[in-house]
Amino acid sequence: MRVALITVMLVALDQATKYLAVTRLKPMGSVVVINGFFNLSYVENSGAAWGILAGRQYLLISFSIVTLIFLIWHRKHLFEHLWLSPFTMILILGGVIGNLIDRVLHSYVIDFLDFHWRGAHFPAFNVADAAICCGVFLFVLTQWHHDLRKGKSDVNTPAQPQ
């Protein structure tokens, strides 16, 4: 139950920041926060990460729904054995739901966090995107840690006689 409540709170945070981007940032377009490094820039992204599959909202909505169903259906197998598994699940589910809401309501995702450095520019993103990336990173890291520990215990376990 706590996972669901905190996931809802993450989705609310994502939607609140997007609301602020629409109401405060959209009229201005972009605001420099740290010169040469970070701007708040209003972007309507009709695609997935880096704008791939732009305009394919039905495909992206379908993929998001299938992903949510898969993650919820297989949550025990995927997450239960991992350290920080509830937090990992909250980040991924909250991020997917946050962007899914945008796709359904607007046919695009609202992005506004805009980083750049010495001519290199990272595509704008939002709280939901950051949550998904952090959740996937945490999943991979904890799965790797779990596999290392399991591998060590398998090495130290004597073989069973035939």
C-alpha atoms as a PDB file:
ATOM      1  CA  MET A   1       0.000   0.000   0.000  1.00  0.00           C
ATOM      2  CA  ARG A   2       2.887   2.367   0.750  1.00  0.00           C
ATOM      3  CA  VAL A   3       4.296   1.781  -2.735  1.00  0.00           C
ATOM      4  CA  ALA A   4       0.988   2.834  -4.305  1.00  0.00           C
ATOM      5  CA  LEU A   5       0.706   5.940  -2.116  1.00  0.00           C
ATOM      6  CA  ILE A   6       4.257   7.105  -2.801  1.00  0.00           C
ATOM      7  CA  THR A   7       3.824   6.350  -6.522  1.00  0.00           C
ATOM      8  CA  VAL A   8       0.740   8.600  -6.534  1.00  0.00           C
ATOM      9  CA  MET A   9       2.764  11.299  -4.763  1.00  0.00           C
ATOM     10  CA  LEU A  10       5.512  11.045  -7.422  1.00  0.00           C
ATOM     11  CA  VAL A  11       2.924  11.308 -10.208  1.00  0.00           C
ATOM     12  CA  ALA A  12       1.402  14.342  -8.451  1.00  0.00           C
ATOM     13  CA  LEU A  13       4.847  15.986  -8.219  1.00  0.00           C
ATOM     14  CA  ASP A  14       5.463  15.299 -11.911  1.00  0.00           C
ATOM     15  CA  GLN A  15       2.085  16.705 -12.932  1.00  0.00           C
ATOM     16  CA  ALA A  16       2.456  19.747 -10.660  1.00  0.00           C
ATOM     17  CA  THR A  17       5.839  20.640 -12.169  1.00  0.00           C
ATOM     18  CA  LYS A  18       4.424  20.213 -15.666  1.00  0.00           C
ATOM     19  CA  TYR A  19       1.481  22.443 -14.740  1.00  0.00           C
ATOM     20  CA  LEU A  20       3.948  25.093 -13.589  1.00  0.00           C
ATOM     21  CA  ALA A  21       5.889  24.689 -16.835  1.00  0.00           C
ATOM     22  CA  VAL A  22       2.705  25.282 -18.852  1.00  0.00           C
ATOM     23  CA  THR A  23       1.388  28.197 -16.807  1.00  0.00           C
ATOM     24  CA  ARG A  24       4.629  29.998 -15.977  1.00  0.00           C
ATOM     25  CA  LEU A  25       7.269  28.853 -18.435  1.00  0.00           C
ATOM     26  CA  LYS A  26       5.381  28.393 -21.709  1.00  0.00           C
ATOM     27  CA  PRO A  27       4.732  32.136 -22.144  1.00  0.00           C
ATOM     28  CA  MET A  28       8.465  32.860 -21.711  1.00  0.00           C
ATOM     29  CA  GLY A  29       9.818  29.818 -23.555  1.00  0.00           C
ATOM     30  CA  SER A  30      13.065  29.568 -21.627  1.00  0.00           C
ATOM     31  CA  VAL A  31      14.657  30.932 -18.461  1.00  0.00           C
ATOM     32  CA  VAL A  32      18.386  30.744 -17.714  1.00  0.00           C
ATOM     33  CA  VAL A  33      18.948  29.275 -14.252  1.00  0.00           C
ATOM     34  CA  ILE A  34      22.713  28.626 -14.396  1.00  0.00           C
ATOM     35  CA  ASN A  35      24.310  30.396 -17.354  1.00  0.00           C
ATOM     36  CA  GLY A  36      25.972  27.948 -19.738  1.00  0.00           C
ATOM     37  CA  PHE A  37      24.659  24.888 -17.892  1.00  0.00           C
ATOM     38  CA  PHE A  38      20.948  24.788 -16.965  1.00  0.00           C
ATOM     39  CA  ASN A  39      17.780  26.382 -18.311  1.00  0.00           C
ATOM     40  CA  LEU A  40      14.110  25.853 -17.717  1.00  0.00           C
ATOM     41  CA  SER A  41      12.777  25.517 -21.269  1.00  0.00           C
ATOM     42  CA  TYR A  42       9.232  24.643 -22.266  1.00  0.00           C
ATOM     43  CA  VAL A  43       9.199  21.757 -24.778  1.00  0.00           C
ATOM     44  CA  GLU A  44       6.306  19.711 -26.151  1.00  0.00           C
ATOM     45  CA  ASN A  45       7.782  16.293 -26.986  1.00  0.00           C
ATOM     46  CA  SER A  46       5.496  14.211 -29.202  1.00  0.00           C
ATOM     47  CA  GLY A  47       7.962  11.318 -29.149  1.00  0.00           C
ATOM     48  CA  ALA A  48       9.759   9.163 -26.628  1.00  0.00           C
ATOM     49  CA  ALA A  49      13.292   9.775 -25.350  1.00  0.00           C
ATOM     50  CA  TRP A  50      15.168  12.237 -27.592  1.00  0.00           C
ATOM     51  CA  GLY A  51      12.029  12.605 -29.694  1.00  0.00           C
ATOM     52  CA  ILE A  52      12.188   9.128 -31.257  1.00  0.00           C
ATOM     53  CA  LEU A  53       8.869   7.815 -32.576  1.00  0.00           C
ATOM     54  CA  ALA A  54       7.556  11.391 -32.720  1.00  0.00           C
ATOM     55  CA  GLY A  55       3.865  11.542 -33.530  1.00  0.00           C
ATOM     56  CA  ARG A  56       3.256   7.858 -32.798  1.00  0.00           C
ATOM     57  CA  GLN A  57       1.111   8.498 -29.712  1.00  0.00           C
ATOM     58  CA  TYR A  58      -1.007   5.338 -30.010  1.00  0.00           C
ATOM     59  CA  LEU A  59       2.135   3.225 -30.113  1.00  0.00           C
ATOM     60  CA  LEU A  60       3.712   5.092 -27.183  1.00  0.00           C
ATOM     61  CA  ILE A  61       0.485   4.946 -25.134  1.00  0.00           C
ATOM     62  CA  SER A  62       0.124   1.228 -25.871  1.00  0.00           C
ATOM     63  CA  PHE A  63       3.746   0.571 -24.940  1.00  0.00           C
ATOM     64  CA  SER A  64       3.310   2.479 -21.661  1.00  0.00           C
ATOM     65  CA  ILE A  65       0.189   0.512 -20.746  1.00  0.00           C
ATOM     66  CA  VAL A  66       1.804  -2.831 -21.615  1.00  0.00           C
ATOM     67  CA  THR A  67       4.872  -1.837 -19.577  1.00  0.00           C
ATOM     68  CA  LEU A  68       2.731  -0.930 -16.558  1.00  0.00           C
ATOM     69  CA  ILE A  69       0.783  -4.197 -16.759  1.00  0.00           C
ATOM     70  CA  PHE A  70       4.003  -6.207 -17.124  1.00  0.00           C
ATOM     71  CA  LEU A  71       5.713  -4.469 -14.189  1.00  0.00           C
ATOM     72  CA  ILE A  72       2.708  -4.866 -11.895  1.00  0.00           C
ATOM     73  CA  TRP A  73       1.984  -8.449 -12.966  1.00  0.00           C
ATOM     74  CA  HIS A  74       5.616  -9.565 -12.537  1.00  0.00           C
ATOM     75  CA  ARG A  75       6.543  -7.296  -9.620  1.00  0.00           C
ATOM     76  CA  LYS A  76       7.417 -10.148  -7.264  1.00  0.00           C
ATOM     77  CA  HIS A  77       9.684 -11.853  -9.771  1.00  0.00           C
ATOM     78  CA  LEU A  78      11.315  -8.607 -10.894  1.00  0.00           C
ATOM     79  CA  PHE A  79      11.628  -6.626  -7.683  1.00  0.00           C
ATOM     80  CA  GLU A  80      11.060  -8.691  -4.535  1.00  0.00           C
ATOM     81  CA  HIS A  81      14.590 -10.095  -4.221  1.00  0.00           C
ATOM     82  CA  LEU A  82      16.317  -6.755  -4.810  1.00  0.00           C
ATOM     83  CA  TRP A  83      17.590  -4.292  -2.253  1.00  0.00           C
ATOM     84  CA  LEU A  84      15.520  -1.071  -2.364  1.00  0.00           C
ATOM     85  CA  SER A  85      12.971  -2.824  -4.578  1.00  0.00           C
ATOM     86  CA  PRO A  86       9.961  -0.728  -3.437  1.00  0.00           C
ATOM     87  CA  PHE A  87      11.822   2.502  -4.241  1.00  0.00           C
ATOM     88  CA  THR A  88      12.885   1.146  -7.641  1.00  0.00           C
ATOM     89  CA  MET A  89       9.318   0.168  -8.461  1.00  0.00           C
ATOM     90  CA  ILE A  90       7.964   3.559  -7.309  1.00  0.00           C
ATOM     91  CA  LEU A  91      10.372   5.439  -9.570  1.00  0.00           C
ATOM     92  CA  ILE A  92       9.640   3.378 -12.672  1.00  0.00           C
ATOM     93  CA  LEU A  93       5.865   3.147 -12.216  1.00  0.00           C
ATOM     94  CA  GLY A  94       5.506   6.809 -11.218  1.00  0.00           C
ATOM     95  CA  GLY A  95       7.541   7.944 -14.208  1.00  0.00           C
ATOM     96  CA  VAL A  96       5.657   5.813 -16.717  1.00  0.00           C
ATOM     97  CA  ILE A  97       2.286   6.925 -15.314  1.00  0.00           C
ATOM     98  CA  GLY A  98       3.323  10.610 -15.281  1.00  0.00           C
ATOM     99  CA  ASN A  99       4.282  10.593 -18.949  1.00  0.00           C
ATOM    100  CA  LEU A 100       1.297   8.414 -19.874  1.00  0.00           C
ATOM    101  CA  ILE A 101      -1.046  11.054 -18.433  1.00  0.00           C
ATOM    102  CA  ASP A 102       0.566  13.683 -20.680  1.00  0.00           C
ATOM    103  CA  ARG A 103       0.308  11.491 -23.771  1.00  0.00           C
ATOM    104  CA  VAL A 104      -3.377  10.788 -23.163  1.00  0.00           C
ATOM    105  CA  LEU A 105      -4.319  14.379 -22.259  1.00  0.00           C
ATOM    106  CA  HIS A 106      -2.106  16.363 -24.668  1.00  0.00           C
ATOM    107  CA  SER A 107      -0.700  13.915 -27.283  1.00  0.00           C
ATOM    108  CA  TYR A 108       2.761  15.027 -26.154  1.00  0.00           C
ATOM    109  CA  VAL A 109       4.901  15.039 -23.027  1.00  0.00           C
ATOM    110  CA  ILE A 110       5.812  18.330 -21.374  1.00  0.00           C
ATOM    111  CA  ASP A 111       9.566  18.644 -20.831  1.00  0.00           C
ATOM    112  CA  PHE A 112      11.308  21.570 -19.174  1.00  0.00           C
ATOM    113  CA  LEU A 113      14.630  20.582 -17.550  1.00  0.00           C
ATOM    114  CA  ASP A 114      17.266  21.662 -20.067  1.00  0.00           C
ATOM    115  CA  PHE A 115      20.990  20.995 -19.509  1.00  0.00           C
ATOM    116  CA  HIS A 116      23.891  21.938 -21.772  1.00  0.00           C
ATOM    117  CA  TRP A 117      27.664  22.216 -21.483  1.00  0.00           C
ATOM    118  CA  ARG A 118      30.260  23.722 -23.845  1.00  0.00           C
ATOM    119  CA  GLY A 119      28.176  23.285 -26.968  1.00  0.00           C
ATOM    120  CA  ALA A 120      26.798  19.876 -25.998  1.00  0.00           C
ATOM    121  CA  HIS A 121      23.069  19.923 -25.373  1.00  0.00           C
ATOM    122  CA  PHE A 122      21.133  17.200 -23.569  1.00  0.00           C
ATOM    123  CA  PRO A 123      17.492  16.897 -24.683  1.00  0.00           C
ATOM    124  CA  ALA A 124      15.003  18.493 -22.288  1.00  0.00           C
ATOM    125  CA  PHE A 125      13.305  16.134 -19.853  1.00  0.00           C
ATOM    126  CA  ASN A 126      10.918  16.171 -16.886  1.00  0.00           C
ATOM    127  CA  VAL A 127      10.438  14.679 -13.417  1.00  0.00           C
ATOM    128  CA  ALA A 128       8.856  11.503 -14.834  1.00  0.00           C
ATOM    129  CA  ASP A 129      11.787  10.973 -17.217  1.00  0.00           C
ATOM    130  CA  ALA A 130      14.260  11.450 -14.372  1.00  0.00           C
ATOM    131  CA  ALA A 131      12.305   8.987 -12.217  1.00  0.00           C
ATOM    132  CA  ILE A 132      12.300   6.341 -14.966  1.00  0.00           C
ATOM    133  CA  CYS A 133      16.040   6.745 -15.604  1.00  0.00           C
ATOM    134  CA  CYS A 134      16.899   6.627 -11.896  1.00  0.00           C
ATOM    135  CA  GLY A 135      14.581   3.651 -11.364  1.00  0.00           C
ATOM    136  CA  VAL A 136      16.056   1.680 -14.262  1.00  0.00           C
ATOM    137  CA  PHE A 137      19.598   2.547 -13.120  1.00  0.00           C
ATOM    138  CA  LEU A 138      18.755   1.427  -9.577  1.00  0.00           C
ATOM    139  CA  PHE A 139      17.163  -1.769 -10.918  1.00  0.00           C
ATOM    140  CA  VAL A 140      20.253  -2.625 -12.976  1.00  0.00           C
ATOM    141  CA  LEU A 141      22.617  -1.765 -10.109  1.00  0.00           C
ATOM    142  CA  THR A 142      20.703  -3.779  -7.505  1.00  0.00           C
ATOM    143  CA  GLN A 143      20.206  -6.709  -9.900  1.00  0.00           C
ATOM    144  CA  TRP A 144      23.936  -6.701 -10.601  1.00  0.00           C
ATOM    145  CA  HIS A 145      24.649  -6.613  -6.855  1.00  0.00           C
ATOM    146  CA  HIS A 146      22.169  -9.450  -6.280  1.00  0.00           C
ATOM    147  CA  ASP A 147      23.751 -11.537  -9.054  1.00  0.00           C
ATOM    148  CA  LEU A 148      27.252 -10.947  -7.650  1.00  0.00           C
ATOM    149  CA  ARG A 149      26.163 -12.057  -4.173  1.00  0.00           C
ATOM    150  CA  LYS A 150      24.329 -15.055  -5.595  1.00  0.00           C
ATOM    151  CA  GLY A 151      27.383 -15.979  -7.656  1.00  0.00           C
ATOM    152  CA  LYS A 152      29.609 -15.847  -4.569  1.00  0.00           C
ATOM    153  CA  SER A 153      27.201 -18.032  -2.600  1.00  0.00           C
ATOM    154  CA  ASP A 154      27.032 -20.505  -5.521  1.00  0.00           C
ATOM    155  CA  VAL A 155      30.850 -20.728  -5.552  1.00  0.00           C
ATOM    156  CA  ASN A 156      30.972 -21.357  -1.799  1.00  0.00           C
ATOM    157  CA  THR A 157      28.224 -23.984  -1.895  1.00  0.00           C
ATOM    158  CA  PRO A 158      29.598 -27.519  -2.272  1.00  0.00           C
ATOM    159  CA  ALA A 159      28.362 -29.472  -5.248  1.00  0.00           C
ATOM    160  CA  GLN A 160      25.600 -31.979  -4.562  1.00  0.00           C
ATOM    161  CA  PRO A 161      26.616 -35.634  -5.018  1.00  0.00           C
ATOM    162  CA  GLN A 162      24.962 -37.431  -7.936  1.00  0.00           C
END
